[in-house]
Structures are given as structure tokens and as C-alpha cells.
Amino acid sequence: MNPTPENTASKATELLRLHQAPDILQLVNVWDAITAKVISDLPGTQALATAGHSIAASFGYADGEHIPLATMLDAVGRIAAATDLPVTADLDRGYGNPGETVRRAIGVGIVGANIEDQMRPLAQAVAQMKAAADAGTAEGIDFVLNARTDAFVLGADHDPREVLEAAIERGRAYLEVGASCIFVPGKLDESTVQALVAGIGHGKVSVINVPGSLSPARLQELGVARISYGPWTQRVALTALADAATALLNNGSLPEGTRTLN
């Protein structure tokens, strides 16, 4: 739980390299130390991302900064301590002070973060992204800010062209103040992904994959830098748990092939 500055700096540089590499970076989201260990031990895992929604749920909180910051930081710190791989954390909107929140996250071994804009006025959103990026610089590491624009998440009732234009405008603005990548969550079709990459930059767009999303291979061809899975990995695990429990409660048995992973 007490990472050294040298180790944190090395992991940050590696996470930035993975974002800049030609191959798309897949981040399977985790929510506690054991899920971090299980995923980090899998062949092909290069880095980990935490899922804020999933961490909050595991403590009994709703998503969206209802979980206390100290509890969230303790959780992501335990995840970082459970693996030798770089860890990027979902830090919601920055808990009222994105710069200070990022500084404290770095202190527990986190080397990248999602910060949401929640479609706040552009100048305000740019200022919060700059504060987060500047905090990483002040700590002397290559902190990877995956600046999130909620243009599509909150724009369902708006003209799709305006939503796309807003996402591109905000993405460019966040890159200018130090973001490494722009996270545009939503179930995006191929033409939208193409437009986002053309507008924001090749290798600068991050997406979430949900059931029915484009394949990682196709997203790589389109120039996307990074895929994460948000709360869906926890939903997969809880679905398996519910299915197994249903079988047990109906005179069944544990699934064949169940592995011992801890």
C-alpha cells in the first residue's frame, strides 16, 4: 500500500507507452484486489482499469461519487498493490477537486485516471481536466488522463450531429490542456467511431465496449487507442454467481471446471 515514487513513475511511463502503441489497449475492469490479481495473471493483460461503478456497488453505494473519496482511494490503492501492472482508476468527476484527487491517487500507486466532464460548461470542464493533468506533471510522472466527455451519455435527446460536434470539440480542448486520451462512452456505431477518430485524432480516442459493440479488431482498424468495459465485467461475474446459486438452490451442484484462483 506504500508504492515507491520510482515504481509509480515507471508504471506511468509504461501505461503511456501502451496508449501510444499501434495495437489497441484492452483494459478489463476490476473492482477489488482479488479481481485485480485474477485479471493481471491472465496472458495478454498489460494494464488494469478500475470500474468506479463496480467499486461503489461492492461497498453498497450508488454510482456517481456517493462513495466517500477516502473509501474509493483505499479501494484503488489495494488494487494497485495487488498487481505489478499499471493501474488506471475511474475517479468520477474528481470529487470536487480533480487536481487534489489525482495527487492523492498517485500517492496510492495509481498512474492514470478517468475524469468525467458531465457536460459542464466547456471552460469549467477544461479547467478541471487541466487541473488533473497538471497534478500528474507536478508529481513528476507520465500520468495518463483519459478525459471523459459525456456528450453521448447525456445527449440522447439532442441532434446526433450536435452531440458528435460537442464530443470532438471537447476532446480537442482536453488534449490541449494535457489529456493523453479522450474517453467517449456510449454504444457507438462504426460511422460515429470513424468521425470521432477523424475529429479528435488517430490513437487518441478511448471507448467502452458493451454487448453489441464493435469488435476490438475493428476498433483497432478504425484508429481507436483503448477499450474498457466499465461495470460490465462485474455484471458478468454477478450473472455467473446468480446462475450458480440458482442451480444450487434447485438441488444442483457447482459448475464443472470451476477454478481455484486465490
Protein backbone atom coordinates (compact mmCIF):
# COMPACT_ATOMS: atom_id res chain seq x y z
CA MET A 1 0.00 0.00 0.00
CA ASN A 2 3.09 2.27 0.03
CA PRO A 3 4.35 2.43 -3.56
CA THR A 4 7.75 3.97 -4.19
CA PRO A 5 7.96 7.08 -6.38
CA GLU A 6 10.31 5.26 -8.75
CA ASN A 7 7.94 2.32 -9.19
CA THR A 8 4.96 4.60 -9.74
CA ALA A 9 6.86 6.65 -12.31
CA SER A 10 7.92 3.51 -14.18
CA LYS A 11 4.34 2.21 -14.30
CA ALA A 12 3.06 5.58 -15.53
CA THR A 13 5.57 5.62 -18.37
CA GLU A 14 4.57 2.09 -19.32
CA LEU A 15 0.85 2.96 -19.30
CA LEU A 16 1.51 5.94 -21.57
CA ARG A 17 3.54 3.73 -23.90
CA LEU A 18 0.66 1.26 -24.12
CA HIS A 19 -1.69 4.07 -25.13
CA GLN A 20 0.70 5.21 -27.84
CA ALA A 21 1.47 1.72 -29.20
CA PRO A 22 -0.02 0.68 -32.56
CA ASP A 23 -2.00 -2.18 -31.01
CA ILE A 24 -5.22 -1.27 -29.24
CA LEU A 25 -5.06 -1.40 -25.43
CA GLN A 26 -7.75 -3.56 -23.86
CA LEU A 27 -8.42 -2.90 -20.19
CA VAL A 28 -10.59 -5.42 -18.36
CA ASN A 29 -12.11 -3.51 -15.46
CA VAL A 30 -11.65 -4.75 -11.91
CA TRP A 31 -13.12 -3.68 -8.57
CA ASP A 32 -11.08 -5.24 -5.77
CA ALA A 33 -7.76 -6.92 -5.02
CA ILE A 34 -8.79 -10.45 -6.00
CA THR A 35 -10.27 -9.41 -9.35
CA ALA A 36 -7.08 -7.42 -9.97
CA LYS A 37 -4.97 -10.48 -9.25
CA VAL A 38 -7.08 -12.79 -11.41
CA ILE A 39 -7.06 -10.45 -14.42
CA SER A 40 -3.42 -9.41 -14.10
CA ASP A 41 -2.36 -13.08 -14.11
CA LEU A 42 -4.05 -13.72 -17.46
CA PRO A 43 -1.89 -13.91 -20.60
CA GLY A 44 -2.33 -10.75 -22.63
CA THR A 45 -3.17 -8.43 -19.74
CA GLN A 46 -0.90 -5.39 -19.96
CA ALA A 47 -2.58 -2.98 -17.53
CA LEU A 48 -5.70 -2.74 -15.38
CA ALA A 49 -8.54 -0.25 -15.10
CA THR A 50 -10.80 0.10 -12.09
CA ALA A 51 -14.57 0.44 -12.51
CA GLY A 52 -15.91 3.18 -10.26
CA HIS A 53 -19.49 1.95 -10.59
CA SER A 54 -18.41 -1.56 -9.57
CA ILE A 55 -16.31 -0.41 -6.61
CA ALA A 56 -19.17 1.74 -5.35
CA ALA A 57 -21.60 -1.16 -5.71
CA SER A 58 -19.30 -3.50 -3.80
CA PHE A 59 -19.46 -1.09 -0.84
CA GLY A 60 -23.22 -0.59 -1.13
CA TYR A 61 -23.15 2.84 -2.78
CA ALA A 62 -24.81 4.11 -5.93
CA ASP A 63 -22.57 5.28 -8.76
CA GLY A 64 -21.56 8.91 -9.05
CA GLU A 65 -19.40 9.99 -6.08
CA HIS A 66 -21.80 8.68 -3.43
CA ILE A 67 -18.94 6.56 -2.14
CA PRO A 68 -16.60 8.63 0.08
CA LEU A 69 -13.38 9.64 -1.62
CA ALA A 70 -11.27 8.08 1.14
CA THR A 71 -13.04 4.75 0.63
CA MET A 72 -12.56 4.92 -3.14
CA LEU A 73 -8.87 5.78 -2.80
CA ASP A 74 -8.34 2.95 -0.35
CA ALA A 75 -10.02 0.54 -2.80
CA VAL A 76 -7.99 1.61 -5.83
CA GLY A 77 -4.82 1.60 -3.74
CA ARG A 78 -5.47 -2.01 -2.75
CA ILE A 79 -5.97 -2.86 -6.41
CA ALA A 80 -2.67 -1.18 -7.35
CA ALA A 81 -0.90 -3.07 -4.55
CA ALA A 82 -2.27 -6.41 -5.81
CA THR A 83 -0.52 -6.26 -9.19
CA ASP A 84 2.79 -5.34 -10.76
CA LEU A 85 0.96 -3.87 -13.76
CA PRO A 86 0.00 -0.21 -14.27
CA VAL A 87 -3.45 0.69 -12.92
CA THR A 88 -5.69 3.49 -14.13
CA ALA A 89 -8.63 4.46 -11.94
CA ASP A 90 -12.13 5.73 -12.54
CA LEU A 91 -12.29 8.87 -10.39
CA ASP A 92 -15.74 10.07 -11.47
CA ARG A 93 -15.85 13.88 -11.65
CA GLY A 94 -12.79 14.34 -9.48
CA TYR A 95 -14.68 14.66 -6.18
CA GLY A 96 -14.83 18.43 -6.30
CA ASN A 97 -11.08 18.90 -6.71
CA PRO A 98 -9.67 16.89 -9.64
CA GLY A 99 -6.09 18.04 -9.08
CA GLU A 100 -6.00 17.06 -5.42
CA THR A 101 -7.85 13.80 -6.10
CA VAL A 102 -5.33 12.82 -8.78
CA ARG A 103 -2.45 13.74 -6.46
CA ARG A 104 -3.84 11.50 -3.74
CA ALA A 105 -4.49 8.70 -6.23
CA ILE A 106 -0.89 8.83 -7.40
CA GLY A 107 0.11 8.52 -3.76
CA VAL A 108 -1.53 5.09 -3.57
CA GLY A 109 0.03 3.88 -6.82
CA ILE A 110 -2.48 4.94 -9.49
CA VAL A 111 -0.88 6.11 -12.74
CA GLY A 112 -3.89 7.10 -14.87
CA ALA A 113 -7.48 8.19 -14.40
CA ASN A 114 -10.84 8.82 -15.99
CA ILE A 115 -12.31 12.21 -15.10
CA GLU A 116 -15.87 12.92 -16.32
CA ASP A 117 -16.98 16.27 -17.70
CA GLN A 118 -20.73 15.63 -17.12
CA MET A 119 -21.19 18.19 -19.91
CA ARG A 120 -20.40 21.08 -17.62
CA PRO A 121 -19.80 24.42 -19.37
CA LEU A 122 -16.78 23.97 -21.61
CA ALA A 123 -14.49 26.44 -19.82
CA GLN A 124 -15.24 24.79 -16.47
CA ALA A 125 -14.70 21.30 -17.90
CA VAL A 126 -11.39 22.31 -19.50
CA ALA A 127 -10.22 23.78 -16.19
CA GLN A 128 -10.95 20.55 -14.32
CA MET A 129 -9.11 18.46 -16.93
CA LYS A 130 -6.15 20.82 -16.81
CA ALA A 131 -6.04 20.55 -13.03
CA ALA A 132 -5.99 16.76 -13.25
CA ALA A 133 -3.26 16.70 -15.92
CA ASP A 134 -1.19 19.33 -14.09
CA ALA A 135 -1.31 17.25 -10.90
CA GLY A 136 0.37 14.37 -12.69
CA THR A 137 3.03 16.67 -14.06
CA ALA A 138 3.61 18.15 -10.60
CA GLU A 139 4.16 14.65 -9.22
CA GLY A 140 6.80 14.07 -11.88
CA ILE A 141 5.16 11.16 -13.70
CA ASP A 142 3.68 10.49 -17.14
CA PHE A 143 0.17 10.40 -15.71
CA VAL A 144 -2.38 9.18 -18.28
CA LEU A 145 -5.51 11.32 -18.13
CA ASN A 146 -8.32 9.60 -20.02
CA ALA A 147 -10.55 12.66 -20.15
CA ARG A 148 -14.18 11.60 -20.44
CA THR A 149 -16.80 13.55 -22.31
CA ASP A 150 -20.40 12.61 -21.61
CA ALA A 151 -21.67 14.06 -24.88
CA PHE A 152 -23.25 10.77 -25.98
CA VAL A 153 -24.21 9.54 -22.49
CA LEU A 154 -26.19 12.72 -21.77
CA GLY A 155 -27.12 13.64 -25.34
CA ALA A 156 -29.77 11.08 -26.22
CA ASP A 157 -32.41 13.78 -26.73
CA HIS A 158 -30.19 16.05 -28.83
CA ASP A 159 -29.44 16.24 -32.54
CA PRO A 160 -26.84 13.48 -33.21
CA ARG A 161 -24.75 15.87 -35.29
CA GLU A 162 -24.58 18.34 -32.42
CA VAL A 163 -23.65 15.56 -29.99
CA LEU A 164 -20.81 14.44 -32.25
CA GLU A 165 -19.58 18.00 -32.73
CA ALA A 166 -19.62 18.59 -28.97
CA ALA A 167 -17.64 15.41 -28.30
CA ILE A 168 -15.00 16.41 -30.84
CA GLU A 169 -14.78 19.99 -29.60
CA ARG A 170 -14.38 18.88 -26.01
CA GLY A 171 -11.93 16.12 -26.90
CA ARG A 172 -9.65 18.54 -28.70
CA ALA A 173 -9.85 21.02 -25.86
CA TYR A 174 -8.93 18.39 -23.26
CA LEU A 175 -5.96 17.20 -25.31
CA GLU A 176 -4.71 20.77 -25.48
CA VAL A 177 -4.53 21.01 -21.68
CA GLY A 178 -2.71 17.73 -21.16
CA ALA A 179 -5.10 14.80 -21.51
CA SER A 180 -3.50 11.72 -23.06
CA CYS A 181 -6.68 10.20 -24.45
CA ILE A 182 -10.36 11.11 -24.82
CA PHE A 183 -12.95 8.71 -23.45
CA VAL A 184 -16.26 8.82 -25.31
CA PRO A 185 -18.60 6.28 -23.67
CA GLY A 186 -21.74 5.11 -25.43
CA LYS A 187 -22.80 2.38 -27.82
CA LEU A 188 -21.13 3.83 -30.89
CA ASP A 189 -21.64 2.64 -34.46
CA GLU A 190 -18.84 2.45 -36.99
CA SER A 191 -19.52 5.79 -38.68
CA THR A 192 -19.54 7.57 -35.33
CA VAL A 193 -16.24 5.99 -34.29
CA GLN A 194 -14.72 6.97 -37.63
CA ALA A 195 -15.89 10.57 -37.16
CA LEU A 196 -14.56 10.74 -33.61
CA VAL A 197 -11.14 9.45 -34.64
CA ALA A 198 -11.03 11.85 -37.59
CA GLY A 199 -12.04 14.77 -35.38
CA ILE A 200 -10.06 14.07 -32.21
CA GLY A 201 -7.08 12.18 -33.57
CA HIS A 202 -5.84 8.73 -34.53
CA GLY A 203 -4.80 6.90 -31.38
CA LYS A 204 -6.47 9.47 -29.15
CA VAL A 205 -9.96 8.01 -28.69
CA SER A 206 -11.00 5.63 -25.91
CA VAL A 207 -14.30 3.74 -25.93
CA ILE A 208 -16.31 1.41 -23.74
CA ASN A 209 -17.49 -1.88 -25.17
CA VAL A 210 -20.96 -3.10 -24.25
CA PRO A 211 -22.97 -6.01 -25.62
CA GLY A 212 -23.30 -5.39 -29.36
CA SER A 213 -20.32 -3.02 -29.68
CA LEU A 214 -17.77 -3.19 -32.49
CA SER A 215 -15.07 -5.83 -32.07
CA PRO A 216 -11.65 -4.88 -30.70
CA ALA A 217 -10.08 -5.81 -34.04
CA ARG A 218 -12.37 -3.45 -35.94
CA LEU A 219 -11.89 -0.65 -33.41
CA GLN A 220 -8.13 -1.00 -33.84
CA GLU A 221 -8.55 -0.74 -37.62
CA LEU A 222 -10.54 2.45 -37.10
CA GLY A 223 -7.75 4.02 -35.02
CA VAL A 224 -9.13 3.70 -31.50
CA ALA A 225 -6.45 3.65 -28.80
CA ARG A 226 -8.19 1.94 -25.91
CA ILE A 227 -11.17 -0.20 -24.94
CA SER A 228 -12.52 -0.68 -21.43
CA TYR A 229 -15.61 -2.49 -20.19
CA GLY A 230 -16.80 -0.43 -17.22
CA PRO A 231 -19.31 -2.17 -14.95
CA TRP A 232 -19.97 -4.94 -17.46
CA THR A 233 -17.22 -7.19 -16.11
CA GLN A 234 -18.83 -7.11 -12.67
CA ARG A 235 -22.20 -7.79 -14.27
CA VAL A 236 -20.75 -10.84 -15.99
CA ALA A 237 -19.39 -12.10 -12.66
CA LEU A 238 -22.65 -11.46 -10.82
CA THR A 239 -24.63 -13.17 -13.57
CA ALA A 240 -22.44 -16.25 -13.19
CA LEU A 241 -22.89 -16.10 -9.40
CA ALA A 242 -26.68 -15.80 -9.67
CA ASP A 243 -26.85 -18.65 -12.20
CA ALA A 244 -24.71 -20.90 -9.98
CA ALA A 245 -26.73 -20.04 -6.88
CA THR A 246 -29.98 -20.73 -8.72
CA ALA A 247 -28.69 -24.18 -9.68
CA LEU A 248 -27.54 -24.91 -6.11
CA LEU A 249 -30.89 -23.85 -4.64
CA ASN A 250 -32.60 -26.23 -7.06
CA ASN A 251 -30.65 -29.31 -5.97
CA GLY A 252 -27.84 -28.68 -8.42
CA SER A 253 -24.08 -28.70 -7.98
CA LEU A 254 -21.21 -26.34 -8.51
CA PRO A 255 -20.22 -25.85 -12.16
CA GLU A 256 -17.71 -28.31 -13.57
CA GLY A 257 -14.36 -26.70 -14.30
CA THR A 258 -14.63 -24.11 -11.52
CA ARG A 259 -11.08 -22.92 -10.89
CA THR A 260 -9.28 -22.06 -7.67
CA LEU A 261 -7.97 -18.56 -8.35
CA ASN A 262 -6.91 -17.18 -4.99
